[in-house]
Amino acid sequence: MTAKYDYELVVIGAGSGGLAAAQQAADLGKRVAIAEKSEIGGTCVNRGCIPTKLMIYAAQFAKQQKVAGSYGWVNPEGLFDWPDLKQAMNDYIESLRKSQTENLDGIKILRGQATFIDSHTLQIDETTVTTEFVLIAVGSRPLMPDIPGYVYPPQICNGSRLV
């Protein structure tokens, strides 16, 4: 049987949802590609959840140092080095990207901005591909509700959140 399309599924976006969907389709024996204009992992891995959690963990050490003397630590004070933290975060994020990419067995990564030519044809930078199905998994942006009195970003006053 000759293939009518280059791929059975092209997923636009390599965040957690796009990666999971692509892998599931590949596991079912489908010809799959992912179109991604940025880094593998999406917002969570590259700019959101993971970097935020790493910074929170680093900040918690300062608080722990204050009480460490009460638990037998002789010299708990230490110096914080922002460039070292940034490098450690970047190294960790890069290792996550590498791991996610290595787990994409049989899935082609098409680097670039995907644009629809028609319902079965995508232009991804200089490459044109055809596909039976397209899954758009590009994430979202927050929508601020149009509610009278709502202030964004939330204002903080005396430790309380004002909205």
Protein backbone atom coordinates (compact mmCIF):
# COMPACT_ATOMS: atom_id res chain seq x y z
CA MET A 1 0.00 0.00 0.00
CA THR A 2 1.46 3.36 -0.99
CA ALA A 3 1.15 6.23 1.42
CA LYS A 4 -1.12 9.02 0.28
CA TYR A 5 0.51 11.39 2.79
CA ASP A 6 4.02 11.92 4.15
CA TYR A 7 2.65 11.37 7.67
CA GLU A 8 -0.50 10.02 9.20
CA LEU A 9 -0.26 12.62 12.00
CA VAL A 10 1.61 15.88 12.37
CA VAL A 11 1.50 17.40 15.83
CA ILE A 12 2.11 21.13 15.96
CA GLY A 13 3.80 21.82 19.28
CA ALA A 14 6.27 19.78 21.33
CA GLY A 15 5.04 20.58 24.82
CA SER A 16 3.85 17.88 27.19
CA GLY A 17 0.53 17.38 25.39
CA GLY A 18 2.01 17.31 21.90
CA LEU A 19 4.80 14.94 22.91
CA ALA A 20 2.40 12.54 24.62
CA ALA A 21 -0.01 12.52 21.67
CA ALA A 22 2.78 11.99 19.14
CA GLN A 23 4.29 9.15 21.15
CA GLN A 24 0.93 7.45 21.58
CA ALA A 25 0.26 7.60 17.84
CA ALA A 26 3.76 6.28 17.07
CA ASP A 27 3.24 3.46 19.57
CA LEU A 28 0.16 2.52 17.53
CA GLY A 29 2.33 2.24 14.44
CA LYS A 30 1.42 5.57 12.83
CA ARG A 31 3.86 7.70 10.81
CA VAL A 32 4.23 10.77 13.01
CA ALA A 33 6.03 14.10 12.92
CA ILE A 34 6.13 17.01 15.33
CA ALA A 35 6.46 20.58 14.11
CA GLU A 36 8.13 22.82 16.71
CA LYS A 37 9.50 26.31 16.23
CA SER A 38 11.12 26.52 19.66
CA GLU A 39 12.60 24.08 22.15
CA ILE A 40 11.26 20.60 22.90
CA GLY A 41 9.30 20.55 26.16
CA GLY A 42 7.12 23.60 25.72
CA THR A 43 6.54 26.33 28.27
CA CYS A 44 6.57 24.08 31.33
CA VAL A 45 10.06 22.69 30.77
CA ASN A 46 11.67 25.78 29.25
CA ARG A 47 10.12 28.85 30.87
CA GLY A 48 7.46 27.79 33.34
CA CYS A 49 7.05 25.00 35.85
CA ILE A 50 10.53 23.53 35.90
CA PRO A 51 12.62 26.73 36.11
CA THR A 52 10.18 28.16 38.66
CA LYS A 53 10.40 25.09 40.89
CA LEU A 54 14.19 25.07 40.70
CA MET A 55 14.31 28.72 41.80
CA ILE A 56 11.87 28.04 44.64
CA TYR A 57 13.99 25.11 45.83
CA ALA A 58 17.11 27.31 45.74
CA ALA A 59 15.33 30.04 47.72
CA GLN A 60 14.23 27.53 50.37
CA PHE A 61 17.85 26.77 51.19
CA ALA A 62 18.30 30.31 52.54
CA LYS A 63 15.46 29.73 55.01
CA GLN A 64 16.86 26.34 55.98
CA GLN A 65 20.27 27.90 56.66
CA LYS A 66 18.70 30.14 59.31
CA VAL A 67 17.56 27.16 61.38
CA ALA A 68 20.43 24.78 60.54
CA GLY A 69 22.43 25.89 63.59
CA SER A 70 19.62 24.61 65.78
CA TYR A 71 20.18 21.15 64.28
CA GLY A 72 23.91 20.85 64.86
CA TRP A 73 25.27 22.53 61.74
CA VAL A 74 28.41 24.43 62.71
CA ASN A 75 28.70 26.68 59.67
CA PRO A 76 25.37 26.67 57.81
CA GLU A 77 25.88 30.09 56.21
CA GLY A 78 26.76 29.96 52.58
CA LEU A 79 27.01 32.34 49.68
CA PHE A 80 24.52 32.35 46.86
CA ASP A 81 25.86 32.52 43.31
CA TRP A 82 23.20 33.51 40.74
CA PRO A 83 25.32 32.55 37.67
CA ASP A 84 25.89 29.08 39.17
CA LEU A 85 22.15 28.61 39.74
CA LYS A 86 21.35 29.77 36.20
CA GLN A 87 23.91 27.35 34.77
CA ALA A 88 22.61 24.47 36.90
CA MET A 89 19.02 25.27 35.81
CA ASN A 90 20.03 25.45 32.14
CA ASP A 91 21.93 22.15 32.40
CA TYR A 92 18.95 20.44 34.03
CA ILE A 93 16.48 21.82 31.46
CA GLU A 94 18.78 20.74 28.63
CA SER A 95 18.93 17.22 30.10
CA LEU A 96 15.11 17.12 30.15
CA ARG A 97 14.93 18.25 26.52
CA LYS A 98 17.52 15.63 25.53
CA SER A 99 15.63 12.90 27.38
CA GLN A 100 12.32 13.89 25.79
CA THR A 101 13.90 13.95 22.33
CA GLU A 102 15.57 10.56 22.81
CA ASN A 103 12.19 9.05 23.74
CA LEU A 104 10.63 10.05 20.43
CA ASP A 105 11.36 6.74 18.70
CA GLY A 106 10.23 6.85 15.10
CA ILE A 107 8.94 10.42 15.33
CA LYS A 108 10.39 13.03 13.00
CA ILE A 109 11.03 16.49 14.47
CA LEU A 110 10.36 19.23 11.92
CA ARG A 111 11.94 22.46 13.14
CA GLY A 112 10.13 25.68 12.35
CA GLN A 113 6.84 27.56 12.31
CA ALA A 114 4.00 25.46 10.90
CA THR A 115 1.55 27.14 8.53
CA PHE A 116 -1.46 25.50 6.89
CA ILE A 117 -1.38 25.45 3.10
CA ASP A 118 -4.59 23.41 3.02
CA SER A 119 -6.28 20.89 5.31
CA HIS A 120 -3.63 18.23 4.60
CA THR A 121 -0.56 20.30 3.75
CA LEU A 122 1.73 22.19 6.11
CA GLN A 123 4.59 24.53 5.37
CA ILE A 124 7.22 24.28 8.12
CA ASP A 125 9.77 26.94 7.29
CA GLU A 126 11.27 25.68 3.99
CA THR A 127 9.72 22.20 4.19
CA THR A 128 6.30 21.21 2.87
CA VAL A 129 4.68 18.05 4.24
CA THR A 130 1.37 16.33 3.75
CA THR A 131 -0.53 14.64 6.54
CA GLU A 132 -3.78 12.83 7.04
CA PHE A 133 -4.40 14.45 10.43
CA VAL A 134 -3.06 17.49 12.29
CA LEU A 135 -3.16 17.93 16.04
CA ILE A 136 -2.66 21.51 17.19
CA ALA A 137 -1.02 21.36 20.61
CA VAL A 138 0.51 24.80 20.93
CA GLY A 139 -0.65 25.53 24.45
CA SER A 140 -2.53 28.63 25.37
CA ARG A 141 -2.32 32.09 26.84
CA PRO A 142 -4.15 33.28 29.93
CA LEU A 143 -7.43 35.06 29.34
CA MET A 144 -8.15 37.76 31.87
CA PRO A 145 -11.87 37.88 32.65
CA ASP A 146 -13.76 41.08 31.93
CA ILE A 147 -15.16 41.42 35.46
CA PRO A 148 -15.68 44.87 36.97
CA GLY A 149 -13.14 45.47 39.74
CA TYR A 150 -10.75 42.72 38.64
CA VAL A 151 -7.15 43.92 38.59
CA TYR A 152 -4.40 42.11 36.74
CA PRO A 153 -1.81 41.44 37.87
CA PRO A 154 -3.23 41.00 41.36
CA GLN A 155 -2.14 43.73 43.74
CA ILE A 156 -0.38 42.71 46.96
CA CYS A 157 -0.89 44.82 50.05
CA ASN A 158 0.33 43.87 53.55
CA GLY A 159 0.70 40.23 52.48
CA SER A 160 -2.93 40.00 51.34
CA ARG A 161 -4.04 39.61 47.78
CA LEU A 162 -6.31 42.35 46.53
CA VAL A 163 -8.46 41.73 43.48
